[in-house]
PDB file of N, CA and C in Angstrom:
ATOM      1  N   MET A   1       0.820  -1.180   0.000  1.00  0.00           N
ATOM      2  CA  MET A   1       0.000   0.000   0.000  1.00  0.00           C
ATOM      3  C   MET A   1       0.863   1.242   0.000  1.00  0.00           C
ATOM      4  N   GLU A   2       1.053   1.760  -1.156  1.00  0.00           N
ATOM      5  CA  GLU A   2       1.879   2.951  -1.248  1.00  0.00           C
ATOM      6  C   GLU A   2       1.015   4.198  -1.335  1.00  0.00           C
ATOM      7  N   PHE A   3       1.410   5.199  -0.589  1.00  0.00           N
ATOM      8  CA  PHE A   3       0.772   6.497  -0.646  1.00  0.00           C
ATOM      9  C   PHE A   3       1.806   7.488  -1.158  1.00  0.00           C
ATOM     10  N   GLU A   4       1.350   8.486  -1.886  1.00  0.00           N
ATOM     11  CA  GLU A   4       2.258   9.497  -2.422  1.00  0.00           C
ATOM     12  C   GLU A   4       2.922  10.240  -1.265  1.00  0.00           C
ATOM     13  N   LYS A   5       4.254  10.213  -1.245  1.00  0.00           N
ATOM     14  CA  LYS A   5       4.977  10.817  -0.126  1.00  0.00           C
ATOM     15  C   LYS A   5       4.927  12.345  -0.160  1.00  0.00           C
ATOM     16  N   GLY A   6       4.866  12.952  -1.346  1.00  0.00           N
ATOM     17  CA  GLY A   6       4.897  14.407  -1.445  1.00  0.00           C
ATOM     18  C   GLY A   6       3.568  15.084  -1.185  1.00  0.00           C
ATOM     19  N   LYS A   7       2.514  14.313  -1.099  1.00  0.00           N
ATOM     20  CA  LYS A   7       1.174  14.863  -0.913  1.00  0.00           C
ATOM     21  C   LYS A   7       0.989  15.289   0.538  1.00  0.00           C
ATOM     22  N   LEU A   8       0.377  16.454   0.753  1.00  0.00           N
ATOM     23  CA  LEU A   8       0.202  16.966   2.111  1.00  0.00           C
ATOM     24  C   LEU A   8      -0.989  16.366   2.839  1.00  0.00           C
ATOM     25  N   PHE A   9      -2.105  16.173   2.122  1.00  0.00           N
ATOM     26  CA  PHE A   9      -3.309  15.677   2.758  1.00  0.00           C
ATOM     27  C   PHE A   9      -3.964  14.595   1.904  1.00  0.00           C
ATOM     28  N   TYR A  10      -4.656  13.689   2.590  1.00  0.00           N
ATOM     29  CA  TYR A  10      -5.409  12.624   1.932  1.00  0.00           C
ATOM     30  C   TYR A  10      -6.840  12.692   2.437  1.00  0.00           C
ATOM     31  N   SER A  11      -7.782  12.425   1.558  1.00  0.00           N
ATOM     32  CA  SER A  11      -9.185  12.379   1.985  1.00  0.00           C
ATOM     33  C   SER A  11      -9.465  11.009   2.594  1.00  0.00           C
ATOM     34  N   ILE A  12     -10.532  10.936   3.359  1.00  0.00           N
ATOM     35  CA  ILE A  12     -10.916   9.662   3.962  1.00  0.00           C
ATOM     36  C   ILE A  12     -11.241   8.654   2.860  1.00  0.00           C
ATOM     37  N   LYS A  13     -11.808   9.130   1.758  1.00  0.00           N
ATOM     38  CA  LYS A  13     -12.154   8.249   0.644  1.00  0.00           C
ATOM     39  C   LYS A  13     -10.910   7.639   0.013  1.00  0.00           C
ATOM     40  N   GLU A  14      -9.848   8.444  -0.154  1.00  0.00           N
ATOM     41  CA  GLU A  14      -8.602   7.930  -0.725  1.00  0.00           C
ATOM     42  C   GLU A  14      -8.020   6.812   0.134  1.00  0.00           C
ATOM     43  N   ILE A  15      -7.996   7.029   1.431  1.00  0.00           N
ATOM     44  CA  ILE A  15      -7.425   6.035   2.345  1.00  0.00           C
ATOM     45  C   ILE A  15      -8.292   4.779   2.366  1.00  0.00           C
ATOM     46  N   ALA A  16      -9.586   4.951   2.448  1.00  0.00           N
ATOM     47  CA  ALA A  16     -10.503   3.808   2.475  1.00  0.00           C
ATOM     48  C   ALA A  16     -10.354   2.976   1.202  1.00  0.00           C
ATOM     49  N   ASN A  17     -10.285   3.628   0.063  1.00  0.00           N
ATOM     50  CA  ASN A  17     -10.126   2.903  -1.206  1.00  0.00           C
ATOM     51  C   ASN A  17      -8.796   2.176  -1.269  1.00  0.00           C
ATOM     52  N   LYS A  18      -7.741   2.821  -0.829  1.00  0.00           N
ATOM     53  CA  LYS A  18      -6.408   2.220  -0.879  1.00  0.00           C
ATOM     54  C   LYS A  18      -6.327   0.976   0.016  1.00  0.00           C
ATOM     55  N   LEU A  19      -6.970   1.026   1.165  1.00  0.00           N
ATOM     56  CA  LEU A  19      -6.922  -0.086   2.113  1.00  0.00           C
ATOM     57  C   LEU A  19      -8.085  -1.066   1.940  1.00  0.00           C
ATOM     58  N   ASN A  20      -9.012  -0.701   1.080  1.00  0.00           N
ATOM     59  CA  ASN A  20     -10.197  -1.530   0.839  1.00  0.00           C
ATOM     60  C   ASN A  20     -11.007  -1.742   2.135  1.00  0.00           C
ATOM     61  N   VAL A  21     -11.232  -0.635   2.831  1.00  0.00           N
ATOM     62  CA  VAL A  21     -12.061  -0.626   4.039  1.00  0.00           C
ATOM     63  C   VAL A  21     -13.102   0.482   3.886  1.00  0.00           C
ATOM     64  N   SER A  22     -14.074   0.495   4.754  1.00  0.00           N
ATOM     65  CA  SER A  22     -15.104   1.528   4.680  1.00  0.00           C
ATOM     66  C   SER A  22     -14.632   2.818   5.354  1.00  0.00           C
ATOM     67  N   GLU A  23     -15.222   3.905   4.919  1.00  0.00           N
ATOM     68  CA  GLU A  23     -14.920   5.194   5.541  1.00  0.00           C
ATOM     69  C   GLU A  23     -15.378   5.205   6.996  1.00  0.00           C
ATOM     70  N   SER A  24     -16.486   4.529   7.267  1.00  0.00           N
ATOM     71  CA  SER A  24     -16.997   4.484   8.645  1.00  0.00           C
ATOM     72  C   SER A  24     -16.017   3.742   9.567  1.00  0.00           C
ATOM     73  N   LEU A  25     -15.327   2.730   9.029  1.00  0.00           N
ATOM     74  CA  LEU A  25     -14.325   2.030   9.841  1.00  0.00           C
ATOM     75  C   LEU A  25     -13.181   2.979  10.205  1.00  0.00           C
ATOM     76  N   LEU A  26     -12.750   3.780   9.255  1.00  0.00           N
ATOM     77  CA  LEU A  26     -11.672   4.740   9.535  1.00  0.00           C
ATOM     78  C   LEU A  26     -12.127   5.763  10.577  1.00  0.00           C
ATOM     79  N   ARG A  27     -13.366   6.223  10.486  1.00  0.00           N
ATOM     80  CA  ARG A  27     -13.881   7.157  11.494  1.00  0.00           C
ATOM     81  C   ARG A  27     -13.940   6.490  12.867  1.00  0.00           C
ATOM     82  N   TYR A  28     -14.311   5.214  12.901  1.00  0.00           N
ATOM     83  CA  TYR A  28     -14.356   4.464  14.163  1.00  0.00           C
ATOM     84  C   TYR A  28     -12.955   4.330  14.759  1.00  0.00           C
ATOM     85  N   TRP A  29     -11.989   3.967  13.915  1.00  0.00           N
ATOM     86  CA  TRP A  29     -10.612   3.860  14.397  1.00  0.00           C
ATOM     87  C   TRP A  29     -10.115   5.207  14.926  1.00  0.00           C
ATOM     88  N   GLU A  30     -10.526   6.265  14.280  1.00  0.00           N
ATOM     89  CA  GLU A  30     -10.125   7.602  14.711  1.00  0.00           C
ATOM     90  C   GLU A  30     -10.614   7.872  16.140  1.00  0.00           C
ATOM     91  N   LYS A  31     -11.803   7.377  16.474  1.00  0.00           N
ATOM     92  CA  LYS A  31     -12.340   7.543  17.824  1.00  0.00           C
ATOM     93  C   LYS A  31     -11.582   6.683  18.837  1.00  0.00           C
ATOM     94  N   LYS A  32     -11.160   5.500  18.410  1.00  0.00           N
ATOM     95  CA  LYS A  32     -10.508   4.551  19.311  1.00  0.00           C
ATOM     96  C   LYS A  32      -9.011   4.812  19.493  1.00  0.00           C
ATOM     97  N   PHE A  33      -8.381   5.445  18.519  1.00  0.00           N
ATOM     98  CA  PHE A  33      -6.939   5.688  18.570  1.00  0.00           C
ATOM     99  C   PHE A  33      -6.677   7.187  18.524  1.00  0.00           C
ATOM    100  N   SER A  34      -6.284   7.751  19.651  1.00  0.00           N
ATOM    101  CA  SER A  34      -6.045   9.201  19.721  1.00  0.00           C
ATOM    102  C   SER A  34      -4.873   9.627  18.840  1.00  0.00           C
ATOM    103  N   SER A  35      -4.051   8.684  18.417  1.00  0.00           N
ATOM    104  CA  SER A  35      -2.907   8.996  17.565  1.00  0.00           C
ATOM    105  C   SER A  35      -3.328   9.340  16.130  1.00  0.00           C
ATOM    106  N   ILE A  36      -4.572   9.059  15.771  1.00  0.00           N
ATOM    107  CA  ILE A  36      -5.099   9.462  14.464  1.00  0.00           C
ATOM    108  C   ILE A  36      -5.867  10.755  14.689  1.00  0.00           C
ATOM    109  N   SER A  37      -5.328  11.856  14.197  1.00  0.00           N
ATOM    110  CA  SER A  37      -5.978  13.153  14.421  1.00  0.00           C
ATOM    111  C   SER A  37      -5.885  14.008  13.157  1.00  0.00           C
ATOM    112  N   PRO A  38      -6.754  13.716  12.191  1.00  0.00           N
ATOM    113  CA  PRO A  38      -6.694  14.484  10.950  1.00  0.00           C
ATOM    114  C   PRO A  38      -7.061  15.949  11.162  1.00  0.00           C
ATOM    115  N   ALA A  39      -6.485  16.793  10.325  1.00  0.00           N
ATOM    116  CA  ALA A  39      -6.886  18.199  10.323  1.00  0.00           C
ATOM    117  C   ALA A  39      -8.275  18.266   9.710  1.00  0.00           C
ATOM    118  N   ARG A  40      -8.958  19.361   9.927  1.00  0.00           N
ATOM    119  CA  ARG A  40     -10.294  19.521   9.353  1.00  0.00           C
ATOM    120  C   ARG A  40     -10.391  20.876   8.670  1.00  0.00           C
ATOM    121  N   THR A  41     -11.113  20.869   7.565  1.00  0.00           N
ATOM    122  CA  THR A  41     -11.349  22.124   6.859  1.00  0.00           C
ATOM    123  C   THR A  41     -12.409  22.913   7.633  1.00  0.00           C
ATOM    124  N   ALA A  42     -12.695  24.133   7.180  1.00  0.00           N
ATOM    125  CA  ALA A  42     -13.724  24.949   7.820  1.00  0.00           C
ATOM    126  C   ALA A  42     -15.089  24.256   7.773  1.00  0.00           C
ATOM    127  N   LYS A  43     -15.294  23.394   6.780  1.00  0.00           N
ATOM    128  CA  LYS A  43     -16.548  22.658   6.661  1.00  0.00           C
ATOM    129  C   LYS A  43     -16.520  21.332   7.418  1.00  0.00           C
ATOM    130  N   GLY A  44     -15.417  21.030   8.109  1.00  0.00           N
ATOM    131  CA  GLY A  44     -15.326  19.816   8.913  1.00  0.00           C
ATOM    132  C   GLY A  44     -14.853  18.582   8.165  1.00  0.00           C
ATOM    133  N   ILE A  45     -14.401  18.773   6.931  1.00  0.00           N
ATOM    134  CA  ILE A  45     -13.927  17.635   6.140  1.00  0.00           C
ATOM    135  C   ILE A  45     -12.540  17.220   6.625  1.00  0.00           C
ATOM    136  N   ARG A  46     -12.388  15.925   6.870  1.00  0.00           N
ATOM    137  CA  ARG A  46     -11.114  15.402   7.376  1.00  0.00           C
ATOM    138  C   ARG A  46     -10.030  15.497   6.308  1.00  0.00           C
ATOM    139  N   GLN A  47      -8.835  15.901   6.743  1.00  0.00           N
ATOM    140  CA  GLN A  47      -7.663  15.922   5.882  1.00  0.00           C
ATOM    141  C   GLN A  47      -6.544  15.190   6.624  1.00  0.00           C
ATOM    142  N   TYR A  48      -6.312  13.956   6.211  1.00  0.00           N
ATOM    143  CA  TYR A  48      -5.328  13.120   6.878  1.00  0.00           C
ATOM    144  C   TYR A  48      -3.924  13.457   6.387  1.00  0.00           C
ATOM    145  N   ARG A  49      -3.020  13.635   7.326  1.00  0.00           N
ATOM    146  CA  ARG A  49      -1.611  13.863   7.007  1.00  0.00           C
ATOM    147  C   ARG A  49      -0.908  12.511   6.902  1.00  0.00           C
ATOM    148  N   LEU A  50       0.301  12.531   6.403  1.00  0.00           N
ATOM    149  CA  LEU A  50       1.047  11.290   6.235  1.00  0.00           C
ATOM    150  C   LEU A  50       1.231  10.567   7.565  1.00  0.00           C
ATOM    151  N   LYS A  51       1.403  11.304   8.657  1.00  0.00           N
ATOM    152  CA  LYS A  51       1.548  10.656   9.974  1.00  0.00           C
ATOM    153  C   LYS A  51       0.267   9.914  10.355  1.00  0.00           C
ATOM    154  N   ASP A  52      -0.883  10.475   9.981  1.00  0.00           N
ATOM    155  CA  ASP A  52      -2.154   9.785  10.236  1.00  0.00           C
ATOM    156  C   ASP A  52      -2.258   8.534   9.379  1.00  0.00           C
ATOM    157  N   VAL A  53      -1.861   8.656   8.108  1.00  0.00           N
ATOM    158  CA  VAL A  53      -1.899   7.518   7.188  1.00  0.00           C
ATOM    159  C   VAL A  53      -0.998   6.399   7.704  1.00  0.00           C
ATOM    160  N   ASP A  54       0.191   6.754   8.170  1.00  0.00           N
ATOM    161  CA  ASP A  54       1.116   5.755   8.709  1.00  0.00           C
ATOM    162  C   ASP A  54       0.514   5.048   9.920  1.00  0.00           C
ATOM    163  N   GLU A  55      -0.156   5.799  10.769  1.00  0.00           N
ATOM    164  CA  GLU A  55      -0.799   5.210  11.952  1.00  0.00           C
ATOM    165  C   GLU A  55      -1.927   4.276  11.531  1.00  0.00           C
ATOM    166  N   ILE A  56      -2.722   4.698  10.571  1.00  0.00           N
ATOM    167  CA  ILE A  56      -3.820   3.868  10.072  1.00  0.00           C
ATOM    168  C   ILE A  56      -3.268   2.580   9.469  1.00  0.00           C
ATOM    169  N   ARG A  57      -2.155   2.679   8.741  1.00  0.00           N
ATOM    170  CA  ARG A  57      -1.538   1.487   8.152  1.00  0.00           C
ATOM    171  C   ARG A  57      -1.107   0.502   9.230  1.00  0.00           C
ATOM    172  N   LEU A  58      -0.563   1.007  10.339  1.00  0.00           N
ATOM    173  CA  LEU A  58      -0.161   0.126  11.437  1.00  0.00           C
ATOM    174  C   LEU A  58      -1.378  -0.560  12.060  1.00  0.00           C
ATOM    175  N   ILE A  59      -2.435   0.207  12.256  1.00  0.00           N
ATOM    176  CA  ILE A  59      -3.653  -0.362  12.829  1.00  0.00           C
ATOM    177  C   ILE A  59      -4.234  -1.396  11.867  1.00  0.00           C
ATOM    178  N   TYR A  60      -4.246  -1.081  10.594  1.00  0.00           N
ATOM    179  CA  TYR A  60      -4.730  -2.021   9.583  1.00  0.00           C
ATOM    180  C   TYR A  60      -3.927  -3.317   9.629  1.00  0.00           C
ATOM    181  N   TYR A  61      -2.613  -3.177   9.703  1.00  0.00           N
ATOM    182  CA  TYR A  61      -1.730  -4.352   9.766  1.00  0.00           C
ATOM    183  C   TYR A  61      -2.087  -5.225  10.972  1.00  0.00           C
ATOM    184  N   LEU A  62      -2.222  -4.606  12.133  1.00  0.00           N
ATOM    185  CA  LEU A  62      -2.479  -5.367  13.352  1.00  0.00           C
ATOM    186  C   LEU A  62      -3.883  -5.977  13.374  1.00  0.00           C
ATOM    187  N   VAL A  63      -4.875  -5.211  12.959  1.00  0.00           N
ATOM    188  CA  VAL A  63      -6.270  -5.657  13.070  1.00  0.00           C
ATOM    189  C   VAL A  63      -6.683  -6.530  11.893  1.00  0.00           C
ATOM    190  N   LYS A  64      -6.416  -6.070  10.683  1.00  0.00           N
ATOM    191  CA  LYS A  64      -6.911  -6.773   9.496  1.00  0.00           C
ATOM    192  C   LYS A  64      -5.985  -7.906   9.046  1.00  0.00           C
ATOM    193  N   GLU A  65      -4.684  -7.718   9.173  1.00  0.00           N
ATOM    194  CA  GLU A  65      -3.752  -8.745   8.706  1.00  0.00           C
ATOM    195  C   GLU A  65      -3.341  -9.715   9.811  1.00  0.00           C
ATOM    196  N   LYS A  66      -3.157  -9.224  11.014  1.00  0.00           N
ATOM    197  CA  LYS A  66      -2.749 -10.087  12.132  1.00  0.00           C
ATOM    198  C   LYS A  66      -3.947 -10.603  12.931  1.00  0.00           C
ATOM    199  N   GLY A  67      -5.131 -10.018  12.720  1.00  0.00           N
ATOM    200  CA  GLY A  67      -6.337 -10.483  13.387  1.00  0.00           C
ATOM    201  C   GLY A  67      -6.476 -10.065  14.837  1.00  0.00           C
ATOM    202  N   MET A  68      -5.803  -9.007  15.237  1.00  0.00           N
ATOM    203  CA  MET A  68      -5.885  -8.549  16.623  1.00  0.00           C
ATOM    204  C   MET A  68      -7.174  -7.766  16.865  1.00  0.00           C
ATOM    205  N   THR A  69      -7.571  -7.713  18.113  1.00  0.00           N
ATOM    206  CA  THR A  69      -8.691  -6.854  18.499  1.00  0.00           C
ATOM    207  C   THR A  69      -8.174  -5.415  18.574  1.00  0.00           C
ATOM    208  N   LEU A  70      -9.085  -4.468  18.637  1.00  0.00           N
ATOM    209  CA  LEU A  70      -8.653  -3.072  18.751  1.00  0.00           C
ATOM    210  C   LEU A  70      -7.895  -2.834  20.054  1.00  0.00           C
ATOM    211  N   SER A  71      -8.364  -3.419  21.135  1.00  0.00           N
ATOM    212  CA  SER A  71      -7.660  -3.231  22.412  1.00  0.00           C
ATOM    213  C   SER A  71      -6.290  -3.905  22.364  1.00  0.00           C
ATOM    214  N   GLY A  72      -6.206  -5.046  21.693  1.00  0.00           N
ATOM    215  CA  GLY A  72      -4.912  -5.709  21.524  1.00  0.00           C
ATOM    216  C   GLY A  72      -3.965  -4.877  20.692  1.00  0.00           C
ATOM    217  N   ALA A  73      -4.498  -4.257  19.637  1.00  0.00           N
ATOM    218  CA  ALA A  73      -3.676  -3.395  18.783  1.00  0.00           C
ATOM    219  C   ALA A  73      -3.215  -2.162  19.558  1.00  0.00           C
ATOM    220  N   GLN A  74      -4.088  -1.591  20.372  1.00  0.00           N
ATOM    221  CA  GLN A  74      -3.714  -0.438  21.185  1.00  0.00           C
ATOM    222  C   GLN A  74      -2.561  -0.790  22.127  1.00  0.00           C
ATOM    223  N   LYS A  75      -2.680  -1.933  22.781  1.00  0.00           N
ATOM    224  CA  LYS A  75      -1.634  -2.373  23.713  1.00  0.00           C
ATOM    225  C   LYS A  75      -0.324  -2.636  22.974  1.00  0.00           C
ATOM    226  N   LYS A  76      -0.416  -3.321  21.844  1.00  0.00           N
ATOM    227  CA  LYS A  76       0.781  -3.646  21.064  1.00  0.00           C
ATOM    228  C   LYS A  76       1.489  -2.368  20.609  1.00  0.00           C
ATOM    229  N   LEU A  77       0.726  -1.396  20.133  1.00  0.00           N
ATOM    230  CA  LEU A  77       1.327  -0.136  19.686  1.00  0.00           C
ATOM    231  C   LEU A  77       1.945   0.629  20.856  1.00  0.00           C
ATOM    232  N   LYS A  78       1.317   0.528  22.017  1.00  0.00           N
ATOM    233  CA  LYS A  78       1.852   1.206  23.204  1.00  0.00           C
ATOM    234  C   LYS A  78       3.151   0.536  23.670  1.00  0.00           C
ATOM    235  N   ASP A  79       3.168  -0.798  23.656  1.00  0.00           N
ATOM    236  CA  ASP A  79       4.309  -1.545  24.193  1.00  0.00           C
ATOM    237  C   ASP A  79       5.459  -1.737  23.198  1.00  0.00           C
ATOM    238  N   ASN A  80       5.140  -1.925  21.930  1.00  0.00           N
ATOM    239  CA  ASN A  80       6.174  -2.295  20.940  1.00  0.00           C
ATOM    240  C   ASN A  80       6.078  -1.515  19.637  1.00  0.00           C
ATOM    241  N   ARG A  81       5.810  -0.238  19.686  1.00  0.00           N
ATOM    242  CA  ARG A  81       5.596   0.571  18.485  1.00  0.00           C
ATOM    243  C   ARG A  81       6.735   0.424  17.472  1.00  0.00           C
ATOM    244  N   ASP A  82       7.972   0.585  17.899  1.00  0.00           N
ATOM    245  CA  ASP A  82       9.105   0.530  16.962  1.00  0.00           C
ATOM    246  C   ASP A  82       9.201  -0.826  16.264  1.00  0.00           C
ATOM    247  N   LYS A  83       8.984  -1.892  17.023  1.00  0.00           N
ATOM    248  CA  LYS A  83       9.045  -3.230  16.442  1.00  0.00           C
ATOM    249  C   LYS A  83       7.920  -3.430  15.422  1.00  0.00           C
ATOM    250  N   ILE A  84       6.735  -2.947  15.735  1.00  0.00           N
ATOM    251  CA  ILE A  84       5.586  -3.067  14.828  1.00  0.00           C
ATOM    252  C   ILE A  84       5.857  -2.289  13.541  1.00  0.00           C
ATOM    253  N   ILE A  85       6.378  -1.081  13.659  1.00  0.00           N
ATOM    254  CA  ILE A  85       6.703  -0.263  12.481  1.00  0.00           C
ATOM    255  C   ILE A  85       7.705  -1.005  11.604  1.00  0.00           C
ATOM    256  N   HIS A  86       8.739  -1.533  12.218  1.00  0.00           N
ATOM    257  CA  HIS A  86       9.779  -2.254  11.477  1.00  0.00           C
ATOM    258  C   HIS A  86       9.204  -3.495  10.791  1.00  0.00           C
ATOM    259  N   THR A  87       8.435  -4.270  11.521  1.00  0.00           N
ATOM    260  CA  THR A  87       7.839  -5.495  10.972  1.00  0.00           C
ATOM    261  C   THR A  87       6.898  -5.185   9.819  1.00  0.00           C
ATOM    262  N   GLU A  88       6.059  -4.165   9.975  1.00  0.00           N
ATOM    263  CA  GLU A  88       5.096  -3.798   8.936  1.00  0.00           C
ATOM    264  C   GLU A  88       5.822  -3.351   7.667  1.00  0.00           C
ATOM    265  N   LYS A  89       6.917  -2.607   7.818  1.00  0.00           N
ATOM    266  CA  LYS A  89       7.693  -2.175   6.646  1.00  0.00           C
ATOM    267  C   LYS A  89       8.307  -3.373   5.924  1.00  0.00           C
ATOM    268  N   ILE A  90       8.844  -4.310   6.680  1.00  0.00           N
ATOM    269  CA  ILE A  90       9.437  -5.508   6.074  1.00  0.00           C
ATOM    270  C   ILE A  90       8.376  -6.305   5.334  1.00  0.00           C
ATOM    271  N   ILE A  91       7.222  -6.485   5.952  1.00  0.00           N
ATOM    272  CA  ILE A  91       6.148  -7.256   5.314  1.00  0.00           C
ATOM    273  C   ILE A  91       5.688  -6.576   4.028  1.00  0.00           C
ATOM    274  N   ASN A  92       5.561  -5.249   4.040  1.00  0.00           N
ATOM    275  CA  ASN A  92       5.167  -4.540   2.823  1.00  0.00           C
ATOM    276  C   ASN A  92       6.217  -4.684   1.726  1.00  0.00           C
ATOM    277  N   CYS A  93       7.493  -4.657   2.093  1.00  0.00           N
ATOM    278  CA  CYS A  93       8.563  -4.869   1.105  1.00  0.00           C
ATOM    279  C   CYS A  93       8.481  -6.275   0.528  1.00  0.00           C
ATOM    280  N   LEU A  94       8.256  -7.248   1.370  1.00  0.00           N
ATOM    281  CA  LEU A  94       8.144  -8.634   0.900  1.00  0.00           C
ATOM    282  C   LEU A  94       6.930  -8.817  -0.014  1.00  0.00           C
ATOM    283  N   LYS A  95       5.836  -8.138   0.294  1.00  0.00           N
ATOM    284  CA  LYS A  95       4.660  -8.206  -0.579  1.00  0.00           C
ATOM    285  C   LYS A  95       4.983  -7.614  -1.954  1.00  0.00           C
ATOM    286  N   ASP A  96       5.734  -6.515  -1.969  1.00  0.00           N
ATOM    287  CA  ASP A  96       6.132  -5.903  -3.241  1.00  0.00           C
ATOM    288  C   ASP A  96       7.026  -6.846  -4.039  1.00  0.00           C
ATOM    289  N   VAL A  97       7.959  -7.504  -3.354  1.00  0.00           N
ATOM    290  CA  VAL A  97       8.854  -8.465  -4.021  1.00  0.00           C
ATOM    291  C   VAL A  97       8.035  -9.620  -4.587  1.00  0.00           C
ATOM    292  N   ARG A  98       7.096 -10.133  -3.796  1.00  0.00           N
ATOM    293  CA  ARG A  98       6.245 -11.237  -4.254  1.00  0.00           C
ATOM    294  C   ARG A  98       5.449 -10.842  -5.502  1.00  0.00           C
ATOM    295  N   ALA A  99       4.901  -9.636  -5.511  1.00  0.00           N
ATOM    296  CA  ALA A  99       4.128  -9.158  -6.663  1.00  0.00           C
ATOM    297  C   ALA A  99       5.026  -9.035  -7.894  1.00  0.00           C
ATOM    298  N   GLU A 100       6.235  -8.550  -7.701  1.00  0.00           N
ATOM    299  CA  GLU A 100       7.173  -8.429  -8.818  1.00  0.00           C
ATOM    300  C   GLU A 100       7.570  -9.801  -9.351  1.00  0.00           C
ATOM    301  N   LEU A 101       7.801 -10.746  -8.458  1.00  0.00           N
ATOM    302  CA  LEU A 101       8.145 -12.102  -8.893  1.00  0.00           C
ATOM    303  C   LEU A 101       6.982 -12.752  -9.649  1.00  0.00           C
ATOM    304  N   ALA A 102       5.776 -12.531  -9.190  1.00  0.00           N
ATOM    305  CA  ALA A 102       4.605 -13.073  -9.887  1.00  0.00           C
ATOM    306  C   ALA A 102       4.491 -12.469 -11.282  1.00  0.00           C
ATOM    307  N   SER A 103       4.772 -11.188 -11.379  1.00  0.00           N
ATOM    308  CA  SER A 103       4.745 -10.522 -12.680  1.00  0.00           C
ATOM    309  C   SER A 103       5.806 -11.084 -13.615  1.00  0.00           C
ATOM    310  N   LEU A 104       6.994 -11.296 -13.088  1.00  0.00           N
ATOM    311  CA  LEU A 104       8.080 -11.883 -13.894  1.00  0.00           C
ATOM    312  C   LEU A 104       7.720 -13.296 -14.336  1.00  0.00           C
ATOM    313  N   LYS A 105       7.123 -14.072 -13.453  1.00  0.00           N
ATOM    314  CA  LYS A 105       6.726 -15.434 -13.821  1.00  0.00           C
ATOM    315  C   LYS A 105       5.724 -15.410 -14.968  1.00  0.00           C
ATOM    316  N   THR A 106       4.781 -14.509 -14.894  1.00  0.00           N
ATOM    317  CA  THR A 106       3.789 -14.379 -15.965  1.00  0.00           C
ATOM    318  C   THR A 106       4.472 -14.043 -17.291  1.00  0.00           C
ATOM    319  N   GLU A 107       5.418 -13.109 -17.237  1.00  0.00           N
ATOM    320  CA  GLU A 107       6.143 -12.739 -18.461  1.00  0.00           C
ATOM    321  C   GLU A 107       6.957 -13.923 -18.998  1.00  0.00           C
ATOM    322  N   PHE A 108       7.618 -14.650 -18.134  1.00  0.00           N
ATOM    323  CA  PHE A 108       8.391 -15.820 -18.576  1.00  0.00           C
ATOM    324  C   PHE A 108       7.483 -16.910 -19.144  1.00  0.00           C
ATOM    325  N   ASP A 109       6.317 -17.098 -18.531  1.00  0.00           N
ATOM    326  CA  ASP A 109       5.362 -18.077 -19.056  1.00  0.00           C
ATOM    327  C   ASP A 109       4.909 -17.697 -20.461  1.00  0.00           C
ATOM    328  N   GLU A 110       4.687 -16.415 -20.685  1.00  0.00           N
ATOM    329  CA  GLU A 110       4.296 -15.954 -22.019  1.00  0.00           C
ATOM    330  C   GLU A 110       5.421 -16.164 -23.025  1.00  0.00           C
ATOM    331  N   LEU A 111       6.648 -15.887 -22.596  1.00  0.00           N
ATOM    332  CA  LEU A 111       7.795 -16.126 -23.473  1.00  0.00           C
ATOM    333  C   LEU A 111       7.952 -17.615 -23.767  1.00  0.00           C
ATOM    334  N   ASP A 112       7.702 -18.419 -22.761  1.00  0.00           N
ATOM    335  CA  ASP A 112       7.801 -19.872 -22.948  1.00  0.00           C
ATOM    336  C   ASP A 112       6.778 -20.359 -23.967  1.00  0.00           C
ATOM    337  N   LYS A 113       5.589 -19.788 -23.937  1.00  0.00           N
ATOM    338  CA  LYS A 113       4.566 -20.159 -24.922  1.00  0.00           C
ATOM    339  C   LYS A 113       5.007 -19.773 -26.327  1.00  0.00           C
ATOM    340  N   LEU A 114       5.640 -18.599 -26.434  1.00  0.00           N
ATOM    341  CA  LEU A 114       6.068 -18.127 -27.753  1.00  0.00           C
ATOM    342  C   LEU A 114       7.270 -18.889 -28.296  1.00  0.00           C
ATOM    343  N   TYR A 115       8.245 -19.118 -27.436  1.00  0.00           N
ATOM    344  CA  TYR A 115       9.512 -19.693 -27.892  1.00  0.00           C
ATOM    345  C   TYR A 115       9.734 -21.124 -27.433  1.00  0.00           C
ATOM    346  N   GLY A 116       8.816 -21.670 -26.666  1.00  0.00           N
ATOM    347  CA  GLY A 116       8.956 -23.031 -26.156  1.00  0.00           C
ATOM    348  C   GLY A 116       9.071 -24.060 -27.257  1.00  0.00           C
ATOM    349  N   HIS A 117       8.496 -23.766 -28.401  1.00  0.00           N
ATOM    350  CA  HIS A 117       8.556 -24.723 -29.501  1.00  0.00           C
ATOM    351  C   HIS A 117       9.947 -24.840 -30.104  1.00  0.00           C
ATOM    352  N   TYR A 118      10.873 -23.975 -29.664  1.00  0.00           N
ATOM    353  CA  TYR A 118      12.259 -24.081 -30.135  1.00  0.00           C
ATOM    354  C   TYR A 118      13.098 -24.991 -29.247  1.00  0.00           C
ATOM    355  N   GLY A 119      12.453 -25.629 -28.308  1.00  0.00           N
ATOM    356  CA  GLY A 119      13.164 -26.573 -27.460  1.00  0.00           C
ATOM    357  C   GLY A 119      13.710 -25.977 -26.169  1.00  0.00           C
ATOM    358  N   HIS A 120      13.450 -24.711 -25.914  1.00  0.00           N
ATOM    359  CA  HIS A 120      13.930 -24.065 -24.693  1.00  0.00           C
ATOM    360  C   HIS A 120      12.748 -23.912 -23.741  1.00  0.00           C
ATOM    361  N   SER A 121      12.987 -24.155 -22.482  1.00  0.00           N
ATOM    362  CA  SER A 121      11.937 -23.997 -21.504  1.00  0.00           C
ATOM    363  C   SER A 121      12.496 -23.236 -20.318  1.00  0.00           C
ATOM    364  N   PHE A 122      11.700 -22.310 -19.796  1.00  0.00           N
ATOM    365  CA  PHE A 122      12.127 -21.534 -18.637  1.00  0.00           C
ATOM    366  C   PHE A 122      11.935 -22.276 -17.337  1.00  0.00           C
ATOM    367  N   ASP A 123      11.297 -23.439 -17.402  1.00  0.00           N
ATOM    368  CA  ASP A 123      11.088 -24.233 -16.193  1.00  0.00           C
ATOM    369  C   ASP A 123      12.316 -25.067 -15.837  1.00  0.00           C
ATOM    370  N   GLU A 124      13.266 -25.174 -16.748  1.00  0.00           N
ATOM    371  CA  GLU A 124      14.448 -26.027 -16.502  1.00  0.00           C
ATOM    372  C   GLU A 124      15.451 -25.340 -15.622  1.00  0.00           C
TER     373      GLU A 124
END
């Protein structure tokens, strides 16, 4: 889940779409985690900063990927924040590597279909 680093603010819709969660879930997490504190426009529209996005990503990792409860995620972030940040970054890097490898495999399979009749196989 990559977010544009140079962007100053993100809408709740952008974050929800990127994480494939509902906007109401993000609002709920905002109530449960004081570390998520988006700025608001004069009309009350939330504007999430990168620090908020990073916090939401950690909560998403703990709750949606690790299956923790919200209270468990709160405790984990309080007790082991640095370790969680490090682990989440490593897992995201590994997911990117896996996606790239899958893409390469698809390309090699296509090449094998085209040139496999010449007696060469990429499976060897």
